[in-house]
N, C-alpha and C. Protein backbone atom coordinates (compact mmCIF):
# COMPACT_ATOMS: atom_id res chain seq x y z
N MET A 1 15.59 -65.70 201.67
CA MET A 1 14.36 -66.06 202.67
C MET A 1 12.68 -65.98 201.97
N SER A 2 12.26 -66.44 202.09
CA SER A 2 11.00 -66.97 202.04
C SER A 2 9.77 -67.28 203.03
N LEU A 3 8.88 -66.80 203.16
CA LEU A 3 7.57 -66.72 204.15
C LEU A 3 6.54 -67.97 203.24
N GLN A 4 6.56 -69.06 202.94
CA GLN A 4 5.64 -70.44 202.30
C GLN A 4 4.04 -70.11 202.75
N ALA A 5 3.89 -69.84 203.81
CA ALA A 5 2.29 -69.24 204.23
C ALA A 5 1.86 -68.03 204.08
N VAL A 6 2.80 -67.54 203.62
CA VAL A 6 2.13 -65.91 203.32
C VAL A 6 1.63 -65.84 201.53
N LYS A 7 0.18 -65.99 201.25
CA LYS A 7 -0.37 -66.10 199.85
C LYS A 7 -0.16 -64.36 199.36
N ALA A 8 -0.60 -63.58 200.34
CA ALA A 8 -0.66 -62.16 199.90
C ALA A 8 -0.51 -61.26 200.82
N VAL A 9 0.02 -60.11 200.88
CA VAL A 9 0.24 -58.84 201.54
C VAL A 9 -0.55 -57.69 200.96
N GLU A 10 -1.54 -57.26 202.35
CA GLU A 10 -2.28 -56.06 201.66
C GLU A 10 -1.94 -54.93 202.55
N ILE A 11 -1.90 -53.54 201.85
CA ILE A 11 -2.09 -52.24 202.54
C ILE A 11 -3.28 -52.01 202.38
N GLY A 12 -4.12 -51.39 203.88
CA GLY A 12 -5.08 -51.00 203.44
C GLY A 12 -6.32 -51.95 203.22
N SER A 13 -7.30 -51.60 202.87
CA SER A 13 -8.36 -52.42 202.70
C SER A 13 -8.05 -53.35 201.27
N GLY A 14 -6.84 -53.43 200.93
CA GLY A 14 -5.95 -54.27 199.85
C GLY A 14 -7.02 -55.76 199.44
N ILE A 15 -7.16 -56.46 199.98
CA ILE A 15 -8.03 -57.73 198.83
C ILE A 15 -9.08 -57.35 198.89
N ALA A 16 -10.12 -56.84 199.72
CA ALA A 16 -11.43 -56.23 199.67
C ALA A 16 -11.52 -55.46 198.59
N ALA A 17 -10.50 -54.26 198.13
CA ALA A 17 -10.36 -53.35 197.61
C ALA A 17 -10.51 -54.08 196.12
N ALA A 18 -9.84 -55.03 196.13
CA ALA A 18 -9.63 -55.68 194.56
C ALA A 18 -10.86 -56.00 193.92
N ALA A 19 -11.92 -56.39 194.70
CA ALA A 19 -13.03 -56.85 194.31
C ALA A 19 -14.34 -55.50 193.93
N SER A 20 -13.73 -54.07 194.49
CA SER A 20 -14.52 -53.22 194.40
C SER A 20 -13.93 -52.27 193.31
N PRO A 21 -15.37 -51.29 193.05
CA PRO A 21 -14.77 -50.21 191.97
C PRO A 21 -13.82 -49.27 192.70
N GLY A 22 -12.82 -48.52 192.17
CA GLY A 22 -12.26 -47.82 192.73
C GLY A 22 -12.91 -46.33 193.26
N SER A 23 -14.17 -46.08 192.48
CA SER A 23 -14.74 -44.70 193.11
C SER A 23 -15.30 -45.22 194.42
N ALA A 24 -15.39 -46.90 194.86
CA ALA A 24 -15.56 -47.21 196.27
C ALA A 24 -14.68 -47.54 197.29
N VAL A 25 -13.56 -47.37 196.84
CA VAL A 25 -12.57 -47.29 197.79
C VAL A 25 -11.51 -45.95 197.83
N HIS A 26 -12.03 -45.22 197.29
CA HIS A 26 -10.63 -43.79 196.74
C HIS A 26 -11.04 -43.04 198.20
N ASP A 27 -9.85 -42.68 198.45
CA ASP A 27 -9.79 -41.83 200.06
C ASP A 27 -10.04 -40.12 199.75
N GLU A 28 -11.19 -40.00 199.42
CA GLU A 28 -11.55 -38.58 199.17
C GLU A 28 -10.56 -37.27 199.72
N ILE A 29 -10.09 -36.53 199.21
CA ILE A 29 -8.91 -35.54 199.60
C ILE A 29 -10.14 -34.09 199.65
N GLY A 30 -10.13 -33.23 200.69
CA GLY A 30 -10.66 -31.95 200.42
C GLY A 30 -10.42 -31.17 201.48
N TYR A 31 -10.69 -29.75 201.46
CA TYR A 31 -10.46 -28.64 202.68
C TYR A 31 -11.07 -28.43 203.23
N ASP A 32 -11.04 -28.21 204.70
CA ASP A 32 -12.16 -27.54 205.61
C ASP A 32 -12.03 -25.86 205.52
N SER A 33 -10.68 -25.32 205.02
CA SER A 33 -11.00 -23.72 204.78
C SER A 33 -9.87 -23.72 203.77
N PRO A 34 -9.74 -22.44 203.31
CA PRO A 34 -8.72 -22.54 202.15
C PRO A 34 -7.30 -23.02 201.90
N ARG A 35 -7.04 -22.82 203.51
CA ARG A 35 -5.54 -23.37 203.77
C ARG A 35 -5.40 -24.52 204.26
N ILE A 36 -6.74 -25.41 205.13
CA ILE A 36 -6.40 -26.10 205.71
C ILE A 36 -6.76 -27.80 204.80
N LEU A 37 -5.92 -28.52 204.88
CA LEU A 37 -6.00 -29.96 204.04
C LEU A 37 -6.72 -30.60 204.66
N LEU A 38 -7.88 -31.62 204.56
CA LEU A 38 -8.22 -32.71 205.35
C LEU A 38 -8.02 -33.78 204.36
N ARG A 39 -7.05 -34.83 204.99
CA ARG A 39 -7.02 -36.18 204.46
C ARG A 39 -7.89 -36.76 203.72
N SER A 40 -9.44 -37.00 204.46
CA SER A 40 -10.20 -37.68 203.79
C SER A 40 -11.53 -37.22 204.85
N LEU A 41 -12.41 -36.56 203.72
CA LEU A 41 -13.69 -36.24 203.71
C LEU A 41 -14.58 -37.30 204.60
N ALA A 42 -14.37 -38.13 204.45
CA ALA A 42 -15.30 -39.10 205.03
C ALA A 42 -14.62 -40.42 206.12
N HIS A 43 -13.51 -39.44 206.46
CA HIS A 43 -12.79 -40.50 207.57
C HIS A 43 -12.75 -42.01 207.28
N VAL A 44 -12.19 -42.31 206.07
CA VAL A 44 -11.99 -43.61 206.31
C VAL A 44 -10.68 -43.54 205.36
N ASN A 45 -9.76 -44.74 205.70
CA ASN A 45 -8.35 -44.86 205.51
C ASN A 45 -8.32 -45.81 204.40
N ASN A 46 -8.43 -45.92 203.61
CA ASN A 46 -8.69 -47.14 202.64
C ASN A 46 -7.46 -47.50 201.96
N ALA A 47 -6.66 -46.74 201.99
CA ALA A 47 -4.87 -46.53 201.45
C ALA A 47 -4.36 -47.00 202.27
N GLY A 48 -4.68 -47.43 203.76
CA GLY A 48 -3.61 -47.83 204.58
C GLY A 48 -2.77 -46.86 205.16
N GLY A 49 -2.58 -45.91 205.11
CA GLY A 49 -1.80 -44.42 205.47
C GLY A 49 -0.47 -44.40 204.64
N ILE A 50 -1.19 -45.13 202.79
CA ILE A 50 0.05 -44.84 202.00
C ILE A 50 -0.22 -44.71 200.83
N GLU A 51 0.12 -44.00 200.42
CA GLU A 51 -0.43 -43.12 198.82
C GLU A 51 0.54 -42.60 198.02
N GLY A 52 0.95 -43.27 196.63
CA GLY A 52 1.99 -43.54 195.86
C GLY A 52 3.50 -43.78 196.60
N GLY A 53 3.58 -44.81 197.66
CA GLY A 53 4.40 -45.32 198.26
C GLY A 53 5.13 -44.52 199.16
N VAL A 54 4.39 -43.08 199.74
CA VAL A 54 4.83 -42.50 200.50
C VAL A 54 3.84 -42.25 202.09
N SER A 55 4.21 -42.54 202.90
CA SER A 55 3.23 -42.30 203.70
C SER A 55 2.32 -40.87 203.83
N ASN A 56 1.24 -40.80 204.16
CA ASN A 56 0.32 -39.78 204.25
C ASN A 56 -0.21 -38.75 205.67
N GLY A 57 0.35 -39.42 206.66
CA GLY A 57 0.43 -39.17 207.96
C GLY A 57 -0.98 -39.60 208.61
N GLU A 58 -1.41 -40.75 207.93
CA GLU A 58 -2.43 -41.66 208.60
C GLU A 58 -1.99 -42.63 209.34
N LYS A 59 -2.54 -43.81 210.28
CA LYS A 59 -2.26 -44.74 210.41
C LYS A 59 -1.87 -45.76 209.51
N SER A 60 -0.66 -46.44 209.66
CA SER A 60 -0.50 -47.78 208.45
C SER A 60 -1.48 -48.64 208.58
N VAL A 61 -1.76 -49.49 207.65
CA VAL A 61 -2.29 -50.74 208.12
C VAL A 61 -1.77 -51.56 207.11
N CYS A 62 -1.29 -52.39 207.44
CA CYS A 62 -0.73 -53.64 206.54
C CYS A 62 -1.47 -55.05 207.06
N GLY A 63 -1.38 -56.06 206.44
CA GLY A 63 -2.10 -57.18 206.66
C GLY A 63 -1.64 -58.63 205.58
N ALA A 64 -1.09 -59.51 206.25
CA ALA A 64 -0.70 -60.79 205.16
C ALA A 64 -1.72 -62.22 205.38
N ILE A 65 -2.02 -62.18 203.97
CA ILE A 65 -2.80 -63.71 204.42
C ILE A 65 -2.25 -64.92 203.95
C-alpha cells in the first residue's frame, strides 16, 4: 500500500525544524524541585510528544505534507 500524494511525514515541528539549528528546536528538560521533573522549561513541544521513539507524555503531534 502506498499514498502517492504524501511527500513527507513530520512529527512535532518536523519540516520547519530541518532548517533550524538544534539549539532552536531542542525541548529543554528541567526540574521544578529536586524530585519533580518538568518536561519542558519553555512549555514547547518541538519533539511532537515523541523522544527516541517513545511517548514522553505530551500531546503527540504528527502531520503529512
